[in-house]
N, C-alpha and C. Protein backbone atom coordinates (compact mmCIF):
# COMPACT_ATOMS: atom_id res chain seq x y z
N MET A 1 19.33 8.51 -18.92
CA MET A 1 18.89 6.41 -19.25
C MET A 1 18.15 7.04 -20.75
N HIS A 2 18.05 5.76 -21.71
CA HIS A 2 17.16 5.88 -23.31
C HIS A 2 16.02 5.60 -22.29
N ALA A 3 15.27 6.45 -23.40
CA ALA A 3 13.00 5.55 -23.18
C ALA A 3 13.48 4.83 -22.88
N MET A 4 13.10 3.70 -23.81
CA MET A 4 13.12 2.87 -23.76
C MET A 4 13.89 1.68 -22.09
N THR A 5 14.67 1.71 -22.11
CA THR A 5 14.95 0.69 -20.74
C THR A 5 14.80 1.75 -19.82
N LYS A 6 14.35 3.11 -19.48
CA LYS A 6 13.38 3.30 -18.48
C LYS A 6 11.72 2.78 -18.72
N GLU A 7 11.62 2.32 -19.71
CA GLU A 7 10.50 1.93 -19.58
C GLU A 7 10.83 0.24 -19.01
N ASN A 8 11.57 0.21 -19.88
CA ASN A 8 11.55 -1.92 -19.84
C ASN A 8 11.50 -1.73 -17.61
N LEU A 9 12.62 -1.10 -17.37
CA LEU A 9 13.03 -0.47 -15.49
C LEU A 9 10.95 -0.55 -15.14
N LYS A 10 10.67 0.07 -16.24
CA LYS A 10 9.13 0.66 -15.11
C LYS A 10 8.49 -0.78 -15.38
N ALA A 11 8.11 -0.85 -16.65
CA ALA A 11 7.05 -2.18 -16.57
C ALA A 11 7.98 -2.83 -15.93
N ALA A 12 8.79 -3.88 -15.51
CA ALA A 12 9.76 -4.43 -14.76
C ALA A 12 9.82 -4.53 -12.87
N PHE A 13 9.56 -2.81 -12.50
CA PHE A 13 9.30 -2.63 -11.50
C PHE A 13 7.53 -3.31 -10.80
N ALA A 14 7.01 -2.92 -11.95
CA ALA A 14 5.96 -3.34 -11.91
C ALA A 14 5.21 -4.73 -11.94
N GLY A 15 5.82 -5.39 -12.71
CA GLY A 15 5.63 -7.42 -12.30
C GLY A 15 6.71 -7.41 -11.12
N GLU A 16 7.22 -7.18 -10.69
CA GLU A 16 7.65 -7.36 -9.89
C GLU A 16 7.56 -7.30 -8.47
N SER A 17 6.47 -5.56 -8.55
CA SER A 17 6.48 -5.21 -7.50
C SER A 17 4.02 -6.26 -7.58
N GLN A 18 4.30 -6.38 -8.54
CA GLN A 18 2.74 -7.77 -8.52
C GLN A 18 3.71 -9.28 -7.78
N ALA A 19 3.98 -9.38 -8.60
CA ALA A 19 4.79 -10.33 -8.14
C ALA A 19 4.69 -10.76 -6.54
N TYR A 20 5.65 -9.59 -6.11
CA TYR A 20 5.58 -9.54 -4.66
C TYR A 20 4.30 -9.45 -3.69
N MET A 21 3.27 -8.75 -3.94
CA MET A 21 2.28 -8.64 -3.14
C MET A 21 1.71 -10.51 -3.19
N LYS A 22 1.80 -10.67 -4.81
CA LYS A 22 0.80 -11.91 -4.95
C LYS A 22 1.02 -13.33 -4.26
N TYR A 23 2.87 -12.80 -4.02
CA TYR A 23 3.38 -14.50 -3.42
C TYR A 23 2.82 -14.04 -1.54
N ALA A 24 2.98 -13.01 -0.64
CA ALA A 24 2.59 -12.85 0.11
C ALA A 24 1.25 -13.88 0.22
N LEU A 25 0.24 -13.03 -0.37
CA LEU A 25 -0.71 -13.46 0.20
C LEU A 25 -1.56 -14.42 -0.72
N PHE A 26 -0.31 -15.26 -1.71
CA PHE A 26 -0.55 -16.77 -1.96
C PHE A 26 -0.28 -17.46 -0.23
N ALA A 27 1.27 -16.83 0.41
CA ALA A 27 1.33 -17.28 1.28
C ALA A 27 0.91 -17.31 2.88
N ASN A 28 0.50 -16.39 2.74
CA ASN A 28 -1.14 -16.18 4.07
C ASN A 28 -2.18 -16.98 3.64
N LYS A 29 -2.35 -17.17 2.45
CA LYS A 29 -3.57 -18.38 1.92
C LYS A 29 -3.33 -19.85 2.53
N ALA A 30 -1.90 -19.93 1.65
CA ALA A 30 -1.41 -21.96 2.08
C ALA A 30 -0.80 -21.64 3.88
N GLU A 31 -0.50 -20.60 4.22
CA GLU A 31 -0.50 -21.17 5.76
C GLU A 31 -1.85 -20.89 6.24
N GLU A 32 -3.32 -20.37 5.59
CA GLU A 32 -4.04 -20.46 6.18
C GLU A 32 -4.74 -22.39 5.70
N GLU A 33 -4.50 -22.95 4.64
CA GLU A 33 -4.79 -23.62 4.85
C GLU A 33 -4.11 -25.13 5.48
N GLY A 34 -3.37 -24.77 5.71
CA GLY A 34 -1.78 -25.35 6.82
C GLY A 34 -0.53 -26.41 6.21
N PHE A 35 -0.18 -25.78 5.30
CA PHE A 35 1.02 -26.05 4.80
C PHE A 35 2.05 -25.15 4.93
N LYS A 36 2.40 -24.79 5.79
CA LYS A 36 3.10 -24.08 6.51
C LYS A 36 4.37 -23.81 5.15
N ASN A 37 5.20 -24.98 4.74
CA ASN A 37 6.50 -24.80 3.84
C ASN A 37 6.22 -24.19 3.11
N ILE A 38 4.47 -24.04 1.87
CA ILE A 38 4.02 -23.98 0.96
C ILE A 38 3.96 -22.69 1.10
N ALA A 39 3.79 -21.67 2.34
CA ALA A 39 3.37 -20.21 2.51
C ALA A 39 5.38 -19.55 3.09
N ARG A 40 5.80 -20.91 3.22
CA ARG A 40 7.73 -20.57 3.78
C ARG A 40 8.46 -20.01 2.38
N LEU A 41 7.63 -20.95 1.26
CA LEU A 41 8.05 -20.97 -0.26
C LEU A 41 7.85 -19.22 -0.52
N PHE A 42 6.79 -19.56 -0.62
CA PHE A 42 6.10 -17.86 -1.18
C PHE A 42 6.35 -17.11 -0.18
N ARG A 43 6.93 -16.76 0.62
CA ARG A 43 7.87 -15.90 1.40
C ARG A 43 9.12 -15.91 1.25
N ALA A 44 9.57 -17.09 0.96
CA ALA A 44 10.96 -16.21 0.24
C ALA A 44 11.20 -15.71 -1.10
N ILE A 45 10.06 -16.46 -1.79
CA ILE A 45 10.38 -15.75 -3.10
C ILE A 45 9.11 -14.52 -3.22
N ALA A 46 8.80 -14.12 -2.59
CA ALA A 46 8.19 -13.21 -2.94
C ALA A 46 9.59 -11.90 -2.22
N PHE A 47 10.44 -12.26 -0.81
CA PHE A 47 10.86 -11.44 -0.71
C PHE A 47 12.21 -11.59 -1.79
N ALA A 48 12.16 -12.43 -2.71
CA ALA A 48 13.46 -12.14 -4.08
C ALA A 48 13.04 -11.74 -4.84
N GLU A 49 11.25 -11.63 -5.09
CA GLU A 49 10.86 -10.36 -5.87
C GLU A 49 11.21 -9.20 -5.60
N GLN A 50 10.72 -8.90 -4.31
CA GLN A 50 11.01 -7.14 -3.73
C GLN A 50 12.33 -7.20 -3.59
N VAL A 51 13.37 -7.94 -3.99
CA VAL A 51 14.57 -8.06 -4.37
C VAL A 51 14.87 -7.47 -5.70
N HIS A 52 14.39 -7.57 -6.51
CA HIS A 52 14.28 -7.62 -8.35
C HIS A 52 13.24 -5.84 -8.27
N ALA A 53 12.99 -5.41 -7.53
CA ALA A 53 11.66 -4.52 -7.31
C ALA A 53 12.67 -3.41 -6.50
N GLY A 54 12.68 -3.16 -5.64
CA GLY A 54 14.37 -2.74 -5.25
C GLY A 54 15.35 -2.13 -6.23
N ASN A 55 15.68 -3.59 -6.77
CA ASN A 55 16.92 -2.84 -7.57
C ASN A 55 16.47 -1.90 -9.10
N HIS A 56 15.61 -2.63 -9.35
CA HIS A 56 14.64 -1.49 -10.59
C HIS A 56 14.29 0.07 -9.93
N LEU A 57 13.83 -0.14 -9.34
CA LEU A 57 13.50 1.69 -8.85
C LEU A 57 14.95 1.84 -8.00
N GLN A 58 15.99 1.67 -7.65
CA GLN A 58 16.97 2.21 -7.44
C GLN A 58 17.31 2.67 -9.17
N ALA A 59 17.23 1.78 -9.67
CA ALA A 59 17.71 2.23 -11.56
C ALA A 59 16.90 3.27 -11.87
N LEU A 60 15.71 3.47 -11.89
CA LEU A 60 14.99 4.36 -12.32
C LEU A 60 15.48 5.96 -11.58
N GLU A 61 15.88 5.66 -10.30
CA GLU A 61 16.46 6.67 -9.44
C GLU A 61 15.21 7.08 -8.41
N GLY A 62 14.83 6.12 -8.26
CA GLY A 62 12.92 6.44 -7.29
C GLY A 62 13.65 6.53 -6.11
N ILE A 63 14.22 6.45 -5.31
CA ILE A 63 14.58 6.15 -4.04
C ILE A 63 15.73 7.13 -3.73
N ASN A 64 14.92 8.34 -3.39
CA ASN A 64 15.89 9.39 -2.64
C ASN A 64 15.66 10.10 -1.26
N ASP A 65 16.01 11.15 -0.60
CA ASP A 65 16.58 11.55 0.68
C ASP A 65 14.74 11.25 0.73
N THR A 66 14.34 11.52 2.56
CA THR A 66 13.19 11.26 2.95
C THR A 66 12.01 11.95 2.76
N SER A 67 12.17 13.19 2.74
CA SER A 67 11.62 14.60 2.62
C SER A 67 11.02 14.29 0.91
N SER A 68 11.83 13.35 0.02
CA SER A 68 11.57 13.86 -1.31
C SER A 68 10.24 12.30 -1.23
N ASN A 69 10.55 10.92 -0.91
CA ASN A 69 9.97 9.69 -1.18
C ASN A 69 8.41 10.42 -0.30
N LEU A 70 8.60 11.91 0.62
CA LEU A 70 6.93 11.34 1.38
C LEU A 70 6.68 12.23 0.43
N SER A 71 7.18 12.76 -0.45
CA SER A 71 6.33 13.87 -1.75
C SER A 71 6.18 13.06 -2.69
N ALA A 72 6.73 12.41 -2.59
CA ALA A 72 6.58 11.21 -4.45
C ALA A 72 4.91 10.20 -3.75
N ALA A 73 5.03 10.09 -1.99
CA ALA A 73 4.59 8.91 -1.71
C ALA A 73 2.39 9.84 -1.62
N MET A 74 2.61 11.02 -1.42
CA MET A 74 1.53 11.83 -0.95
C MET A 74 1.09 11.81 -2.46
N GLU A 75 1.75 12.80 -3.30
CA GLU A 75 1.77 12.64 -5.33
C GLU A 75 1.12 11.19 -4.94
N GLY A 76 1.56 10.15 -5.44
CA GLY A 76 0.48 8.24 -5.69
C GLY A 76 -0.46 9.35 -4.69
N GLU A 77 -0.40 9.12 -3.29
CA GLU A 77 -1.77 9.32 -2.60
C GLU A 77 -3.25 10.05 -3.57
N HIS A 78 -2.28 11.31 -3.74
CA HIS A 78 -3.13 12.34 -4.06
C HIS A 78 -3.86 11.18 -5.16
N PHE A 79 -3.22 11.35 -6.31
CA PHE A 79 -3.68 10.31 -7.64
C PHE A 79 -4.39 9.40 -7.46
N GLU A 80 -3.90 8.39 -6.46
CA GLU A 80 -5.75 7.52 -6.33
C GLU A 80 -6.59 8.26 -5.11
N VAL A 81 -6.80 9.60 -4.13
CA VAL A 81 -7.81 9.65 -4.62
C VAL A 81 -8.59 10.52 -4.88
N ASN A 82 -7.96 11.69 -5.16
CA ASN A 82 -8.37 12.38 -6.50
C ASN A 82 -9.18 11.75 -7.85
N GLU A 83 -8.40 10.98 -8.16
CA GLU A 83 -8.45 9.87 -10.08
C GLU A 83 -8.25 9.21 -10.30
N MET A 84 -8.02 7.90 -9.98
CA MET A 84 -7.70 7.19 -9.97
C MET A 84 -9.42 5.79 -8.91
N TYR A 85 -8.73 6.10 -7.82
CA TYR A 85 -9.94 6.13 -7.60
C TYR A 85 -11.22 5.74 -7.59
N PRO A 86 -11.70 7.21 -7.80
CA PRO A 86 -13.78 7.69 -8.41
C PRO A 86 -13.12 7.59 -9.15
N ALA A 87 -12.74 7.22 -10.55
CA ALA A 87 -12.76 6.17 -11.83
C ALA A 87 -12.92 5.70 -11.78
N TYR A 88 -12.41 4.25 -11.10
CA TYR A 88 -13.00 3.13 -11.23
C TYR A 88 -13.90 2.49 -10.19
N LYS A 89 -14.25 3.47 -9.56
CA LYS A 89 -15.55 2.82 -8.56
C LYS A 89 -16.60 4.00 -9.27
N ALA A 90 -16.72 4.29 -9.67
CA ALA A 90 -17.61 5.16 -11.07
C ALA A 90 -17.41 3.91 -12.41
N VAL A 91 -16.95 3.04 -12.47
CA VAL A 91 -17.12 1.63 -13.04
C VAL A 91 -18.14 0.78 -12.76
N ALA A 92 -17.24 0.62 -11.87
CA ALA A 92 -18.21 -0.63 -10.90
C ALA A 92 -19.14 -0.47 -10.04
N GLU A 93 -19.52 0.48 -9.56
CA GLU A 93 -21.35 0.99 -9.73
C GLU A 93 -21.77 1.49 -10.92
N LEU A 94 -21.25 1.53 -12.02
CA LEU A 94 -22.48 1.71 -13.51
C LEU A 94 -22.54 0.08 -13.16
N GLN A 95 -21.45 -0.63 -13.18
CA GLN A 95 -21.56 -1.96 -13.94
C GLN A 95 -22.13 -3.39 -12.90
N GLU A 96 -22.85 -2.36 -11.15
CA GLU A 96 -23.09 -3.22 -10.21
C GLU A 96 -22.25 -4.47 -10.18
N GLU A 97 -21.23 -4.05 -10.08
CA GLU A 97 -20.29 -4.94 -9.42
C GLU A 97 -19.51 -4.66 -8.08
N LYS A 98 -20.83 -5.55 -7.07
CA LYS A 98 -20.50 -4.84 -5.21
C LYS A 98 -19.26 -5.68 -5.16
N ASN A 99 -18.72 -6.60 -5.17
CA ASN A 99 -17.13 -6.55 -4.77
C ASN A 99 -15.97 -5.64 -4.82
N ALA A 100 -16.01 -5.69 -6.25
CA ALA A 100 -15.69 -4.78 -6.79
C ALA A 100 -15.75 -3.34 -6.43
N ASN A 101 -16.78 -2.61 -6.31
CA ASN A 101 -17.05 -1.06 -6.07
C ASN A 101 -16.67 -1.35 -3.61
N ARG A 102 -17.18 -2.42 -3.55
CA ARG A 102 -17.09 -1.86 -2.32
C ARG A 102 -14.85 -2.11 -1.60
N SER A 103 -14.15 -2.73 -2.57
CA SER A 103 -12.41 -2.78 -2.93
C SER A 103 -11.87 -1.38 -2.83
N MET A 104 -13.10 -0.78 -4.14
CA MET A 104 -12.68 0.83 -4.73
C MET A 104 -12.90 1.23 -2.79
N HIS A 105 -14.00 1.06 -3.22
CA HIS A 105 -14.63 2.08 -1.24
C HIS A 105 -13.36 1.70 -0.76
N TYR A 106 -12.78 1.32 0.40
CA TYR A 106 -12.53 1.20 1.63
C TYR A 106 -10.89 1.18 0.85
N ALA A 107 -10.53 1.21 -0.83
CA ALA A 107 -8.86 1.90 -0.55
C ALA A 107 -8.99 3.02 -0.62
N LEU A 108 -9.97 4.04 -1.27
CA LEU A 108 -10.07 4.95 -1.56
C LEU A 108 -10.51 5.77 -0.23
N GLU A 109 -11.35 5.53 0.84
CA GLU A 109 -11.10 6.46 1.65
C GLU A 109 -10.13 5.82 2.35
N ALA A 110 -9.46 4.73 2.80
CA ALA A 110 -8.04 4.49 3.51
C ALA A 110 -6.79 5.28 2.83
N GLU A 111 -7.01 5.37 1.82
CA GLU A 111 -5.64 6.55 0.76
C GLU A 111 -5.84 7.92 1.25
N LYS A 112 -7.02 8.21 1.54
CA LYS A 112 -7.03 10.30 1.97
C LYS A 112 -6.96 10.13 3.17
N ILE A 113 -6.30 8.70 4.47
CA ILE A 113 -5.73 9.26 5.95
C ILE A 113 -4.61 8.86 4.97
N HIS A 114 -3.78 8.46 4.35
CA HIS A 114 -2.57 7.85 3.83
C HIS A 114 -1.97 8.95 3.70
N GLU A 115 -2.82 9.80 2.79
CA GLU A 115 -2.29 10.92 2.33
C GLU A 115 -1.99 11.28 2.90
N SER A 116 -3.09 12.71 3.59
CA SER A 116 -2.64 13.13 5.13
C SER A 116 -1.54 12.89 6.80
N LEU A 117 -2.19 11.31 6.42
CA LEU A 117 -0.27 10.91 7.01
C LEU A 117 1.38 11.16 6.42
N TYR A 118 1.09 11.28 5.55
CA TYR A 118 2.65 11.91 4.81
C TYR A 118 2.39 12.83 4.77
N LEU A 119 1.57 13.95 4.79
CA LEU A 119 1.87 14.96 5.08
C LEU A 119 2.24 15.51 6.11
N GLN A 120 2.03 14.78 7.29
CA GLN A 120 1.69 15.85 8.95
C GLN A 120 3.89 15.14 8.29
N ALA A 121 4.13 13.77 8.23
CA ALA A 121 5.05 13.26 8.40
C ALA A 121 6.81 14.25 7.40
N LYS A 122 5.66 14.89 6.17
CA LYS A 122 6.90 15.94 5.49
C LYS A 122 7.04 16.93 6.09
N GLU A 123 5.62 17.03 6.72
CA GLU A 123 6.10 18.55 7.32
C GLU A 123 7.52 18.75 8.77
N ALA A 124 7.67 17.72 9.37
CA ALA A 124 8.08 16.60 10.04
C ALA A 124 9.42 16.83 9.49
N ALA A 125 9.91 16.41 8.41
CA ALA A 125 10.90 15.59 7.97
C ALA A 125 11.78 17.32 7.82
N LYS A 126 10.95 18.01 7.06
CA LYS A 126 11.15 19.42 6.86
C LYS A 126 12.34 20.01 7.80
N GLU A 127 11.49 19.90 8.92
CA GLU A 127 11.80 20.53 10.05
C GLU A 127 13.67 19.53 10.78
N GLY A 128 13.68 18.57 10.03
CA GLY A 128 13.95 17.42 10.30
C GLY A 128 13.97 16.56 11.80
N LYS A 129 12.79 15.98 12.20
CA LYS A 129 12.59 15.91 12.83
C LYS A 129 11.66 14.74 12.42
N ASP A 130 11.38 13.51 13.45
CA ASP A 130 10.79 12.29 12.70
C ASP A 130 9.20 12.25 13.34
N ILE A 131 7.65 12.15 13.13
CA ILE A 131 7.19 11.25 13.41
C ILE A 131 7.47 11.05 15.43
N ASP A 132 6.14 11.41 16.10
CA ASP A 132 5.74 10.47 16.81
C ASP A 132 4.49 10.14 17.44
N PRO A 133 4.57 9.04 16.25
CA PRO A 133 2.79 8.67 15.66
C PRO A 133 2.46 8.05 17.10
N GLY A 134 3.11 7.35 18.40
CA GLY A 134 2.55 6.15 19.14
C GLY A 134 2.54 5.14 18.56
N GLU A 135 1.63 4.31 18.18
CA GLU A 135 1.22 3.40 18.22
C GLU A 135 0.34 2.74 16.43
N ILE A 136 0.76 2.79 15.70
CA ILE A 136 0.22 2.57 14.37
C ILE A 136 -0.58 1.29 13.95
N TYR A 137 -1.84 2.29 13.94
CA TYR A 137 -2.99 0.00 13.85
C TYR A 137 -3.08 0.52 12.61
N ILE A 138 -3.28 -0.63 12.07
CA ILE A 138 -4.31 -1.16 10.13
C ILE A 138 -5.79 -1.59 10.74
N CYS A 139 -7.17 -1.24 10.21
CA CYS A 139 -7.55 -2.26 9.44
C CYS A 139 -6.75 -3.82 8.59
N PRO A 140 -7.38 -4.99 8.82
CA PRO A 140 -7.26 -5.61 8.10
C PRO A 140 -8.00 -6.43 6.79
N VAL A 141 -9.23 -5.14 6.63
CA VAL A 141 -10.18 -5.49 6.27
C VAL A 141 -10.65 -4.33 4.94
N CYS A 142 -10.16 -2.84 5.23
CA CYS A 142 -10.13 -2.11 4.39
C CYS A 142 -8.79 -1.27 4.55
N GLY A 143 -7.99 -1.38 5.25
CA GLY A 143 -6.27 -0.97 5.12
C GLY A 143 -6.68 0.54 5.67
N HIS A 144 -8.35 1.15 6.57
CA HIS A 144 -7.80 2.54 7.48
C HIS A 144 -7.15 2.50 8.45
N THR A 145 -5.83 3.63 7.90
CA THR A 145 -4.82 3.81 8.85
C THR A 145 -5.22 4.51 10.44
N ALA A 146 -4.91 4.41 11.64
CA ALA A 146 -4.94 4.92 12.70
C ALA A 146 -3.78 4.77 13.77
N TRP A 147 -3.31 6.80 14.40
CA TRP A 147 -2.54 6.60 14.93
C TRP A 147 -2.79 6.38 16.00
N GLY A 148 -1.84 5.88 17.16
CA GLY A 148 -2.07 6.87 18.55
C GLY A 148 -3.01 6.10 19.39
N LYS A 149 -4.48 5.88 18.81
CA LYS A 149 -5.23 5.28 19.65
C LYS A 149 -6.78 4.09 18.83
N LEU A 150 -6.38 2.66 19.40
CA LEU A 150 -7.34 1.92 18.57
C LEU A 150 -8.56 2.00 18.08
N PRO A 151 -9.20 1.79 17.86
CA PRO A 151 -10.45 2.65 17.49
C PRO A 151 -11.65 1.22 18.35
N GLU A 152 -12.64 2.05 18.29
CA GLU A 152 -12.90 0.92 19.39
C GLU A 152 -14.54 -0.69 17.86
N ARG A 153 -14.56 1.10 16.58
CA ARG A 153 -14.70 0.07 15.68
C ARG A 153 -14.56 1.34 13.86
N CYS A 154 -14.37 -0.14 12.73
CA CYS A 154 -13.12 1.06 11.56
C CYS A 154 -14.74 1.80 11.82
N PRO A 155 -14.15 2.77 10.86
CA PRO A 155 -15.09 3.67 10.52
C PRO A 155 -15.80 3.88 8.92
N ILE A 156 -14.60 2.89 8.68
CA ILE A 156 -14.29 2.86 6.54
C ILE A 156 -15.59 1.82 6.31
N CYS A 157 -15.39 0.08 7.16
CA CYS A 157 -16.31 -0.91 6.84
C CYS A 157 -16.97 -1.66 8.75
N GLY A 158 -16.57 -0.90 9.44
CA GLY A 158 -16.61 -1.27 10.68
C GLY A 158 -16.60 -2.73 11.99
N VAL A 159 -15.38 -3.25 11.03
CA VAL A 159 -14.47 -4.28 12.05
C VAL A 159 -13.92 -3.68 12.85
N LEU A 160 -14.87 -4.55 14.22
CA LEU A 160 -14.14 -4.76 15.94
C LEU A 160 -12.41 -4.31 15.43
N GLY A 161 -12.21 -2.84 16.14
CA GLY A 161 -10.58 -2.87 16.58
C GLY A 161 -10.16 -3.71 16.70
N ASN A 162 -10.41 -4.66 17.69
CA ASN A 162 -9.63 -5.47 18.03
C ASN A 162 -8.88 -6.25 17.28
N ARG A 163 -9.28 -6.05 16.08
CA ARG A 163 -8.98 -7.56 14.97
C ARG A 163 -7.89 -6.08 14.11
N PHE A 164 -7.65 -4.66 13.89
CA PHE A 164 -6.33 -4.41 13.49
C PHE A 164 -4.93 -4.52 13.70
N ARG A 165 -3.72 -4.66 13.17
CA ARG A 165 -2.74 -4.77 12.99
C ARG A 165 -2.17 -3.90 14.17
N ARG A 166 -1.04 -4.28 14.31
CA ARG A 166 -0.46 -3.00 15.09
C ARG A 166 1.06 -3.16 14.75
N PHE A 167 1.83 -1.40 14.88
CA PHE A 167 2.73 -1.59 13.68
C PHE A 167 3.88 -0.61 14.53
């Protein structure tokens, strides 16, 4: 693939991914405000953006077998934990941006767990086995991820466990 086409696909993937996320969050807000059909419109178009992002990633040959996908996921989480979020958090602290600092802290702590969970999944996949995590719980405030047992409180942000979303 030509370098410019590859860069264009990467940029398009990033843009479509951001649009998907933004519209999904906009849908939540519209629903919260009682605009059910506007929420539905946002969700529908968010799905279209997800389709576009998926097509771009497929063209970039970025979707592979599960073991390779887990490696890519672990690499992304590792980068976030060891480089990206520590640097972003340091800038937010330096500039005394309290909300940004909290947001970076929440993400950093949750990403550490994600990297570990992907590693466990990769080890299982290498042996040709699926994982059996039991229930998976995600904190709606900070993204903390728990397997098997619902925590009484989130260890990162302190939110009550009964607010976690079960997967």
